[in-house]
Amino acid sequence: MAPAYTGRLSRERIPALRLPENSMDPDAAYRFIHDEMMFDGASRMNLATFVTTWMDPQAERLMAQTFDKNMIDKDEYPATSAIESRCVSMVAALFNAPDLDPSDPSSATGVSTIGSSEAVMLAGLALKWRWRAGGERTGTPNLVLGSNVQVVWEKFCRYFDVEARYLPVEKGRYVITPEQVTDAVDDNTIGVVAILGTTFTGELEPVAEIVAALDEVAASGGPDVPVHVDAASGGFVVPFLDPELQWDFRLPRVKSINASGHKYGLTYPGIGFAVWRTPEDLPSDLVFHVNYLGGDMPTFTLNFSRPGNQVIGQYYNFLRLGRAGYTEIMQALSDTAQWLSREIATMDEFEVVTDGSGIPVLTFTTADDVGFTVFDVSRGLSTYGWQVPAYTMPDDATDVAVLRVVVREGFSGDMARHLADNLRTVVDGLRTIHRDGHPPRREHFHH
């Protein structure tokens, strides 16, 4: 790999897969890496990701100043530790955890994590430990969840020897139903997972209805099964757009919730949260105590060392925005998503699957007999710099393929208009190819 610079210290070839023999000038090293990164896509035009790609400059400064703070060293960095506790308390209160003392952060039971992936693992372990403590068990523990879950749940079940009981979706229904849940649970079920904002379509699963069905099962002498809500995508949306919707700890059967601060929590990756309804819902033997960093330090995480700047960025957002700010932003994103879905609905070539009214995520598919696929559309949009994923639905609906647009902060109404215009142009080109059998003629560039 030879850099295209002729400065005094940048003429030598740079090995790609081995340490270079000599040192480099810091500016040359910076420029070499900086220019290679230009081959990445533009993050703000990446409509595939749920992860935050824009923050206030003030938040960026704070996060840059706290890269060196190790989150696990609570005695050495007591201010960072206190801020983490405040964030956990704010999230627990947002999700209506009972018996919280507004002056005591320890009254909230939860941890900050590396995204929702770690939070899912911790919540799943707590479910398994609570099931195991419920008496003599003879069967294999199982977890009931939809085939529409994020892959981290599959990882949890495989890594920790839990049978995954996947409930299938079907064409036109991409969430699980209470009837499916009650048919699947038994005495070895450690929990049921309901999703608040699915990865595939952005839909909200019917948490309250699932809880009510499980209440009936328990009341009739069946298994008393807890519910975990995977709110990775919707945890920082629904409380602000639909605060009356009951999906959280207001439902006593909901014992734990995970949420991603780096999604609609509006913080750069990777920050997540796992919170439990009460201290009793987090088995104490999962919490370790160490003293080799100074003082007694309880810890319940899979990771150990990690930068404190993720928590600092989240705390900045909580203080900067408050409930009013989050509500305003989520409403704006929802409005943009629904406007874009209405524009797409006017195009005969597409059918809208979800319109962004649950969380600001919309999905759409091609109409019958249009002569091209969603994968063709995705490739066409990429020529304009847009990254719009095309994929098939999960089991029992794999014959349905969709495009998904995640509307995040930084994706403005004006950008949505450009996307709609580019989508029409792509469709025109694909329609011409389908009709004539060759791409449209391109005019030579001229002033």
Protein backbone atom coordinates (compact mmCIF):
# COMPACT_ATOMS: atom_id res chain seq x y z
CA MET A 1 0.00 0.00 0.00
CA ALA A 2 1.78 3.13 -1.21
CA PRO A 3 0.54 6.54 -0.04
CA ALA A 4 0.18 9.23 -2.69
CA TYR A 5 2.16 11.76 -0.66
CA THR A 6 5.67 12.96 -1.22
CA GLY A 7 6.43 14.44 2.16
CA ARG A 8 9.78 13.59 3.73
CA LEU A 9 8.37 10.84 5.98
CA SER A 10 5.70 9.41 3.71
CA ARG A 11 7.58 8.03 0.70
CA GLU A 12 8.08 4.48 1.96
CA ARG A 13 5.56 1.81 1.15
CA ILE A 14 3.33 0.98 4.12
CA PRO A 15 2.69 -2.70 4.81
CA ALA A 16 -0.99 -3.61 4.99
CA LEU A 17 -0.81 -6.71 7.19
CA ARG A 18 2.36 -6.29 9.27
CA LEU A 19 3.74 -3.64 11.59
CA PRO A 20 5.92 -1.19 9.64
CA GLU A 21 9.62 -1.35 10.44
CA ASN A 22 9.89 2.38 11.10
CA SER A 23 7.82 5.09 12.73
CA MET A 24 5.74 7.60 10.79
CA ASP A 25 5.14 11.28 11.14
CA PRO A 26 1.78 11.64 12.97
CA ASP A 27 0.35 13.92 10.27
CA ALA A 28 1.29 11.41 7.57
CA ALA A 29 -0.28 8.54 9.54
CA TYR A 30 -3.40 10.60 10.08
CA ARG A 31 -3.71 11.54 6.41
CA PHE A 32 -3.09 7.98 5.22
CA ILE A 33 -5.88 6.56 7.41
CA HIS A 34 -8.19 9.54 6.87
CA ASP A 35 -8.09 9.14 3.11
CA GLU A 36 -8.70 5.40 3.24
CA MET A 37 -11.84 6.06 5.30
CA MET A 38 -13.26 8.05 2.37
CA PHE A 39 -14.14 4.71 0.78
CA ASP A 40 -16.73 4.14 3.52
CA GLY A 41 -20.28 5.23 2.78
CA ALA A 42 -21.61 8.51 4.18
CA SER A 43 -23.00 7.59 7.58
CA ARG A 44 -25.87 10.10 7.45
CA MET A 45 -27.04 8.48 4.18
CA ASN A 46 -26.92 5.01 5.72
CA LEU A 47 -30.63 4.30 6.12
CA ALA A 48 -29.92 0.68 7.03
CA THR A 49 -28.63 1.40 10.51
CA PHE A 50 -30.60 2.24 13.63
CA VAL A 51 -27.42 3.60 15.22
CA THR A 52 -26.99 7.34 15.82
CA THR A 53 -24.84 9.14 13.25
CA TRP A 54 -25.15 12.74 14.47
CA MET A 55 -24.81 14.49 17.84
CA ASP A 56 -24.40 18.04 19.07
CA PRO A 57 -20.80 19.33 18.77
CA GLN A 58 -20.85 19.93 22.54
CA ALA A 59 -21.60 16.24 23.11
CA GLU A 60 -18.76 15.27 20.79
CA ARG A 61 -16.36 17.43 22.80
CA LEU A 62 -17.46 15.86 26.07
CA MET A 63 -17.10 12.37 24.66
CA ALA A 64 -13.65 13.13 23.23
CA GLN A 65 -12.57 14.43 26.65
CA THR A 66 -13.66 11.22 28.41
CA PHE A 67 -12.30 8.48 26.12
CA ASP A 68 -9.65 7.76 28.74
CA LYS A 69 -12.09 7.15 31.61
CA ASN A 70 -12.50 3.44 32.27
CA MET A 71 -16.15 2.84 33.14
CA ILE A 72 -15.31 -0.10 35.40
CA ASP A 73 -12.95 1.89 37.67
CA LYS A 74 -15.65 3.34 39.87
CA ASP A 75 -13.37 4.34 42.75
CA GLU A 76 -10.93 6.15 40.43
CA TYR A 77 -13.70 7.86 38.45
CA PRO A 78 -16.48 8.47 40.96
CA ALA A 79 -18.11 11.25 38.92
CA THR A 80 -18.45 8.98 35.88
CA SER A 81 -19.81 6.21 38.11
CA ALA A 82 -22.37 8.58 39.63
CA ILE A 83 -23.45 9.72 36.16
CA GLU A 84 -23.95 6.09 35.12
CA SER A 85 -26.20 5.53 38.15
CA ARG A 86 -28.21 8.64 37.31
CA CYS A 87 -28.68 7.44 33.72
CA VAL A 88 -29.89 4.03 34.91
CA SER A 89 -32.32 5.73 37.29
CA MET A 90 -33.64 7.96 34.51
CA VAL A 91 -34.18 4.97 32.22
CA ALA A 92 -35.90 2.95 34.97
CA ALA A 93 -38.20 5.89 35.71
CA LEU A 94 -38.91 6.38 32.00
CA PHE A 95 -40.03 2.73 31.91
CA ASN A 96 -42.17 3.19 35.06
CA ALA A 97 -40.27 0.93 37.42
CA PRO A 98 -42.11 0.82 40.78
CA ASP A 99 -40.90 2.07 44.15
CA LEU A 100 -38.18 4.37 42.86
CA ASP A 101 -36.78 6.93 45.27
CA PRO A 102 -36.04 10.13 43.28
CA SER A 103 -33.21 10.95 45.69
CA ASP A 104 -31.60 7.49 45.72
CA PRO A 105 -30.06 6.15 42.49
CA SER A 106 -29.55 2.73 44.09
CA SER A 107 -33.33 2.24 44.18
CA ALA A 108 -33.20 1.52 40.43
CA THR A 109 -32.00 -1.93 39.39
CA GLY A 110 -30.03 -1.92 36.18
CA VAL A 111 -26.74 -1.39 34.39
CA SER A 112 -25.40 0.42 31.37
CA THR A 113 -24.05 -1.94 28.73
CA ILE A 114 -22.27 -2.12 25.39
CA GLY A 115 -25.41 -1.66 23.32
CA SER A 116 -28.49 -3.84 23.63
CA SER A 117 -26.54 -6.97 22.72
CA GLU A 118 -24.87 -7.15 26.12
CA ALA A 119 -28.12 -6.07 27.79
CA VAL A 120 -29.97 -8.97 26.12
CA MET A 121 -27.39 -11.45 27.37
CA LEU A 122 -27.69 -10.13 30.94
CA ALA A 123 -31.48 -10.13 30.90
CA GLY A 124 -31.55 -13.65 29.48
CA LEU A 125 -29.19 -14.89 32.17
CA ALA A 126 -31.40 -13.35 34.86
CA LEU A 127 -34.43 -15.14 33.39
CA LYS A 128 -32.57 -18.47 33.38
CA TRP A 129 -31.34 -18.03 36.95
CA ARG A 130 -34.84 -17.13 38.21
CA TRP A 131 -36.28 -20.19 36.45
CA ARG A 132 -33.61 -22.42 37.95
CA ALA A 133 -34.31 -21.07 41.45
CA GLY A 134 -38.03 -21.86 41.10
CA GLY A 135 -37.69 -25.47 42.22
CA GLU A 136 -36.46 -28.78 40.90
CA ARG A 137 -36.21 -28.70 37.12
CA THR A 138 -36.02 -31.80 34.94
CA GLY A 139 -36.27 -30.42 31.42
CA THR A 140 -34.23 -28.14 29.21
CA PRO A 141 -34.91 -24.42 29.76
CA ASN A 142 -36.63 -22.77 26.80
CA LEU A 143 -37.26 -19.20 25.71
CA VAL A 144 -40.35 -18.27 23.67
CA LEU A 145 -39.73 -15.60 21.04
CA GLY A 146 -40.67 -14.69 17.49
CA SER A 147 -38.66 -15.62 14.43
CA ASN A 148 -38.45 -11.84 13.91
CA VAL A 149 -36.02 -11.26 16.78
CA GLN A 150 -32.58 -9.77 16.33
CA VAL A 151 -29.79 -12.34 15.97
CA VAL A 152 -28.43 -11.61 19.47
CA TRP A 153 -31.28 -13.67 20.94
CA GLU A 154 -30.20 -16.63 18.84
CA LYS A 155 -26.69 -16.10 20.19
CA PHE A 156 -27.95 -16.03 23.78
CA CYS A 157 -29.83 -19.29 23.40
CA ARG A 158 -26.88 -21.03 21.74
CA TYR A 159 -24.22 -19.68 24.10
CA PHE A 160 -26.14 -20.39 27.31
CA ASP A 161 -27.85 -23.70 26.45
CA VAL A 162 -31.42 -22.49 26.21
CA GLU A 163 -33.89 -23.97 23.72
CA ALA A 164 -35.19 -21.24 21.43
CA ARG A 165 -38.88 -21.71 20.65
CA TYR A 166 -39.38 -19.52 17.62
CA LEU A 167 -42.91 -18.44 16.79
CA PRO A 168 -43.30 -18.00 13.03
CA VAL A 169 -44.66 -14.93 11.28
CA GLU A 170 -46.64 -15.06 8.06
CA LYS A 171 -47.29 -12.89 5.04
CA GLY A 172 -49.17 -9.82 6.25
CA ARG A 173 -48.38 -10.51 9.95
CA TYR A 174 -44.82 -9.90 11.04
CA VAL A 175 -45.28 -9.91 14.84
CA ILE A 176 -46.16 -12.68 17.28
CA THR A 177 -49.64 -13.17 18.77
CA PRO A 178 -50.84 -13.94 22.30
CA GLU A 179 -52.33 -17.22 21.05
CA GLN A 180 -48.94 -18.35 19.73
CA VAL A 181 -47.33 -17.50 23.06
CA THR A 182 -49.78 -19.39 25.25
CA ASP A 183 -49.52 -22.47 23.04
CA ALA A 184 -45.72 -22.47 23.34
CA VAL A 185 -45.04 -21.96 27.07
CA ASP A 186 -44.60 -24.76 29.60
CA ASP A 187 -42.99 -25.36 33.00
CA ASN A 188 -39.50 -25.10 31.47
CA THR A 189 -40.09 -21.71 29.84
CA ILE A 190 -37.73 -19.16 31.39
CA GLY A 191 -39.51 -16.23 29.74
CA VAL A 192 -41.26 -14.73 26.74
CA VAL A 193 -39.61 -12.02 24.64
CA ALA A 194 -41.82 -9.28 23.16
CA ILE A 195 -40.31 -6.67 20.86
CA LEU A 196 -41.04 -2.96 20.97
CA GLY A 197 -39.99 -2.02 17.44
CA THR A 198 -38.94 -5.04 15.41
CA THR A 199 -35.80 -5.00 13.29
CA PHE A 200 -37.65 -6.30 10.24
CA THR A 201 -40.55 -3.82 10.08
CA GLY A 202 -40.37 -1.47 13.06
CA GLU A 203 -43.71 -2.75 14.42
CA LEU A 204 -44.66 -2.87 18.09
CA GLU A 205 -45.60 -6.32 19.32
CA PRO A 206 -48.77 -6.46 21.49
CA VAL A 207 -47.04 -6.57 24.88
CA ALA A 208 -50.14 -5.87 26.99
CA GLU A 209 -52.15 -8.55 25.17
CA ILE A 210 -49.34 -11.08 25.56
CA VAL A 211 -49.13 -10.29 29.28
CA ALA A 212 -52.91 -10.64 29.68
CA ALA A 213 -52.83 -14.04 27.97
CA LEU A 214 -50.01 -15.24 30.25
CA ASP A 215 -51.94 -13.94 33.28
CA GLU A 216 -54.83 -16.20 32.27
CA VAL A 217 -52.48 -19.17 31.86
CA ALA A 218 -51.03 -18.64 35.35
CA ALA A 219 -54.50 -18.07 36.91
CA SER A 220 -55.72 -21.37 35.49
CA GLY A 221 -52.85 -23.31 37.11
CA GLY A 222 -50.39 -23.15 34.21
CA PRO A 223 -46.81 -21.91 34.33
CA ASP A 224 -46.16 -18.42 35.70
CA VAL A 225 -43.91 -17.08 32.94
CA PRO A 226 -42.15 -13.67 33.09
CA VAL A 227 -41.92 -11.32 30.10
CA HIS A 228 -38.86 -9.49 28.86
CA VAL A 229 -39.39 -6.55 26.52
CA ASP A 230 -36.73 -6.00 23.88
CA ALA A 231 -37.06 -2.22 23.51
CA ALA A 232 -33.75 -1.75 21.72
CA SER A 233 -35.42 0.31 19.01
CA GLY A 234 -38.62 1.57 20.64
CA GLY A 235 -37.55 2.21 24.23
CA PHE A 236 -36.65 5.84 23.57
CA VAL A 237 -39.48 6.44 21.11
CA VAL A 238 -42.75 5.07 22.49
CA PRO A 239 -42.57 6.77 25.93
CA PHE A 240 -42.54 10.12 24.13
CA LEU A 241 -44.89 9.48 21.20
CA ASP A 242 -47.44 7.29 23.02
CA PRO A 243 -46.92 7.66 26.78
CA GLU A 244 -50.27 6.03 27.61
CA LEU A 245 -49.42 2.77 25.84
CA GLN A 246 -48.79 0.09 28.46
CA TRP A 247 -45.84 -2.08 27.53
CA ASP A 248 -43.38 -1.49 30.37
CA PHE A 249 -43.16 -2.05 34.15
CA ARG A 250 -46.74 -0.86 34.59
CA LEU A 251 -47.48 -4.47 33.61
CA PRO A 252 -46.35 -6.54 36.63
CA ARG A 253 -45.43 -9.55 34.49
CA VAL A 254 -42.79 -7.48 32.64
CA LYS A 255 -39.67 -8.18 34.69
CA SER A 256 -36.88 -6.71 32.55
CA ILE A 257 -36.34 -4.36 29.62
CA ASN A 258 -33.36 -3.61 27.39
CA ALA A 259 -32.92 -0.42 25.39
CA SER A 260 -30.26 1.01 23.09
CA GLY A 261 -29.05 4.49 23.92
CA HIS A 262 -27.13 4.47 20.65
CA LYS A 263 -30.33 4.11 18.63
CA TYR A 264 -33.17 6.48 19.43
CA GLY A 265 -31.44 7.43 22.67
CA LEU A 266 -29.52 9.62 20.17
CA THR A 267 -26.02 8.75 21.42
CA TYR A 268 -23.04 7.52 19.39
CA PRO A 269 -22.35 3.77 19.73
CA GLY A 270 -22.17 1.81 21.80
CA ILE A 271 -24.38 2.36 24.82
CA GLY A 272 -27.33 0.33 26.04
CA PHE A 273 -29.24 -0.36 29.23
CA ALA A 274 -30.68 -3.38 31.01
CA VAL A 275 -33.16 -2.58 33.76
CA TRP A 276 -35.22 -4.81 36.03
CA ARG A 277 -38.58 -4.18 37.62
CA THR A 278 -37.34 -4.69 41.21
CA PRO A 279 -34.11 -5.86 42.88
CA GLU A 280 -35.72 -9.28 43.40
CA ASP A 281 -35.90 -9.77 39.62
CA LEU A 282 -32.10 -9.70 39.30
CA PRO A 283 -30.69 -12.81 41.08
CA SER A 284 -28.00 -11.74 43.52
CA ASP A 285 -25.63 -14.58 42.62
CA LEU A 286 -25.19 -13.07 39.16
CA VAL A 287 -23.60 -9.98 40.73
CA PHE A 288 -19.86 -10.20 41.38
CA HIS A 289 -17.87 -8.16 43.88
CA VAL A 290 -14.25 -7.17 43.28
CA ASN A 291 -11.92 -4.99 45.34
CA TYR A 292 -8.70 -4.91 43.32
CA LEU A 293 -9.63 -1.57 41.73
CA GLY A 294 -10.10 0.02 45.14
CA GLY A 295 -13.10 -0.44 47.45
CA ASP A 296 -15.90 -2.97 47.06
CA MET A 297 -17.32 -2.88 43.55
CA PRO A 298 -20.40 -4.90 42.55
CA THR A 299 -20.46 -5.71 38.85
CA PHE A 300 -22.95 -7.44 36.56
CA THR A 301 -21.62 -7.13 33.04
CA LEU A 302 -20.11 -9.41 30.41
CA ASN A 303 -17.57 -6.76 29.47
CA PHE A 304 -15.15 -5.33 31.99
CA SER A 305 -13.09 -2.36 30.80
CA ARG A 306 -14.87 0.08 28.50
CA PRO A 307 -14.74 3.84 27.91
CA GLY A 308 -16.88 6.06 30.10
CA ASN A 309 -17.51 8.51 27.28
CA GLN A 310 -20.54 6.54 26.06
CA VAL A 311 -22.36 7.13 29.35
CA ILE A 312 -21.25 10.76 29.34
CA GLY A 313 -22.76 11.23 25.88
CA GLN A 314 -26.03 9.67 27.00
CA TYR A 315 -26.15 11.85 30.11
CA TYR A 316 -25.59 14.93 27.96
CA ASN A 317 -28.63 14.00 25.85
CA PHE A 318 -30.80 13.38 28.90
CA LEU A 319 -29.94 16.80 30.35
CA ARG A 320 -29.87 18.66 27.04
CA LEU A 321 -33.19 17.36 25.71
CA GLY A 322 -35.35 16.32 28.63
CA ARG A 323 -38.80 14.91 27.98
CA ALA A 324 -39.83 17.90 25.89
CA GLY A 325 -36.79 17.68 23.61
CA TYR A 326 -37.07 13.94 23.07
CA THR A 327 -40.78 14.30 22.34
CA GLU A 328 -40.16 17.04 19.77
CA ILE A 329 -37.41 15.07 18.01
CA MET A 330 -39.35 11.80 17.95
CA GLN A 331 -42.43 13.56 16.60
CA ALA A 332 -40.36 15.18 13.85
CA LEU A 333 -38.80 11.84 12.89
CA SER A 334 -42.20 10.16 12.91
CA ASP A 335 -43.65 12.91 10.70
CA THR A 336 -40.77 12.53 8.23
CA ALA A 337 -41.13 8.73 8.13
CA GLN A 338 -44.87 8.92 7.53
CA TRP A 339 -44.47 11.63 4.87
CA LEU A 340 -41.97 9.47 3.03
CA SER A 341 -44.24 6.42 3.26
CA ARG A 342 -47.08 8.44 1.75
CA GLU A 343 -44.82 9.50 -1.13
CA ILE A 344 -43.84 5.88 -1.75
CA ALA A 345 -47.49 4.81 -1.60
CA THR A 346 -48.21 7.09 -4.59
CA MET A 347 -45.79 5.05 -6.73
CA ASP A 348 -47.60 2.19 -8.44
CA GLU A 349 -44.48 0.05 -8.32
CA PHE A 350 -44.50 -0.24 -4.52
CA GLU A 351 -46.66 -1.41 -1.64
CA VAL A 352 -46.04 0.04 1.83
CA VAL A 353 -45.74 -2.63 4.53
CA THR A 354 -45.24 -0.36 7.55
CA ASP A 355 -45.61 3.42 7.46
CA GLY A 356 -43.41 4.56 10.35
CA SER A 357 -46.27 5.22 12.75
CA GLY A 358 -44.95 2.80 15.39
CA ILE A 359 -41.35 3.92 15.43
CA PRO A 360 -39.79 6.04 12.64
CA VAL A 361 -39.07 3.02 10.45
CA LEU A 362 -40.87 2.30 7.20
CA THR A 363 -40.77 -0.76 4.97
CA PHE A 364 -42.08 -1.32 1.48
CA THR A 365 -42.00 -3.99 -1.21
CA THR A 366 -42.43 -4.11 -4.96
CA ALA A 367 -45.87 -4.64 -6.42
CA ASP A 368 -46.63 -7.76 -8.43
CA ASP A 369 -45.31 -8.03 -11.98
CA VAL A 370 -43.24 -4.84 -11.97
CA GLY A 371 -40.32 -6.64 -13.58
CA PHE A 372 -37.71 -5.78 -10.96
CA THR A 373 -37.02 -6.61 -7.30
CA VAL A 374 -36.32 -4.72 -4.11
CA PHE A 375 -32.68 -5.75 -4.54
CA ASP A 376 -32.57 -3.96 -7.88
CA VAL A 377 -34.00 -0.85 -6.22
CA SER A 378 -31.45 -1.03 -3.41
CA ARG A 379 -28.60 -1.21 -5.92
CA GLY A 380 -30.08 1.68 -7.88
CA LEU A 381 -30.32 3.90 -4.81
CA SER A 382 -26.70 3.14 -3.94
CA THR A 383 -25.60 5.02 -7.06
CA TYR A 384 -26.90 8.16 -5.34
CA GLY A 385 -25.06 7.32 -2.12
CA TRP A 386 -28.09 5.95 -0.26
CA GLN A 387 -27.70 2.74 1.69
CA VAL A 388 -31.19 1.24 1.82
CA PRO A 389 -31.19 -2.46 2.76
CA ALA A 390 -33.26 -5.06 0.94
CA TYR A 391 -33.92 -8.39 2.65
CA THR A 392 -36.39 -11.23 3.01
CA MET A 393 -38.73 -11.64 5.95
CA PRO A 394 -38.12 -14.37 8.58
CA ASP A 395 -39.38 -17.97 8.59
CA ASP A 396 -42.77 -18.69 7.04
CA ALA A 397 -42.68 -15.37 5.19
CA THR A 398 -39.37 -15.68 3.35
CA ASP A 399 -41.11 -15.19 0.01
CA VAL A 400 -41.67 -11.54 0.99
CA ALA A 401 -38.74 -9.18 0.40
CA VAL A 402 -38.76 -5.55 1.52
CA LEU A 403 -36.75 -2.35 1.60
CA ARG A 404 -36.35 -0.58 4.95
CA VAL A 405 -35.70 3.08 5.73
CA VAL A 406 -34.70 4.00 9.28
CA VAL A 407 -35.40 7.69 9.89
CA ARG A 408 -32.92 9.01 12.46
CA GLU A 409 -31.92 12.41 13.72
CA GLY A 410 -29.78 13.92 10.97
CA PHE A 411 -32.13 12.62 8.24
CA SER A 412 -34.05 15.81 7.53
CA GLY A 413 -37.26 16.40 5.63
CA ASP A 414 -35.19 17.82 2.79
CA MET A 415 -33.10 14.63 2.65
CA ALA A 416 -36.34 12.63 2.60
CA ARG A 417 -37.47 14.67 -0.42
CA HIS A 418 -34.19 13.93 -2.20
CA LEU A 419 -34.58 10.23 -1.41
CA ALA A 420 -38.11 10.21 -2.84
CA ASP A 421 -36.89 11.97 -6.01
CA ASN A 422 -33.98 9.55 -6.38
CA LEU A 423 -36.32 6.62 -5.85
CA ARG A 424 -38.56 7.81 -8.68
CA THR A 425 -35.55 8.17 -10.96
CA VAL A 426 -34.35 4.65 -10.11
CA VAL A 427 -37.82 3.27 -10.80
CA ASP A 428 -37.96 5.06 -14.17
CA GLY A 429 -34.64 3.53 -15.15
CA LEU A 430 -35.65 0.02 -14.03
CA ARG A 431 -38.96 0.33 -15.83
CA THR A 432 -37.15 1.31 -19.04
CA ILE A 433 -34.80 -1.65 -18.76
CA HIS A 434 -37.74 -3.99 -18.18
CA ARG A 435 -39.60 -2.57 -21.20
CA ASP A 436 -36.74 -2.17 -23.68
CA GLY A 437 -34.29 -4.73 -22.40
CA HIS A 438 -31.43 -2.23 -22.01
CA PRO A 439 -30.58 0.73 -19.77
CA PRO A 440 -31.73 4.23 -20.78
CA ARG A 441 -29.45 6.27 -23.01
CA ARG A 442 -27.24 8.64 -21.07
CA GLU A 443 -26.55 12.09 -22.46
CA HIS A 444 -22.96 13.31 -22.58
CA PHE A 445 -22.11 15.88 -19.97
CA HIS A 446 -22.06 19.44 -21.22
CA HIS A 447 -22.13 22.91 -19.67
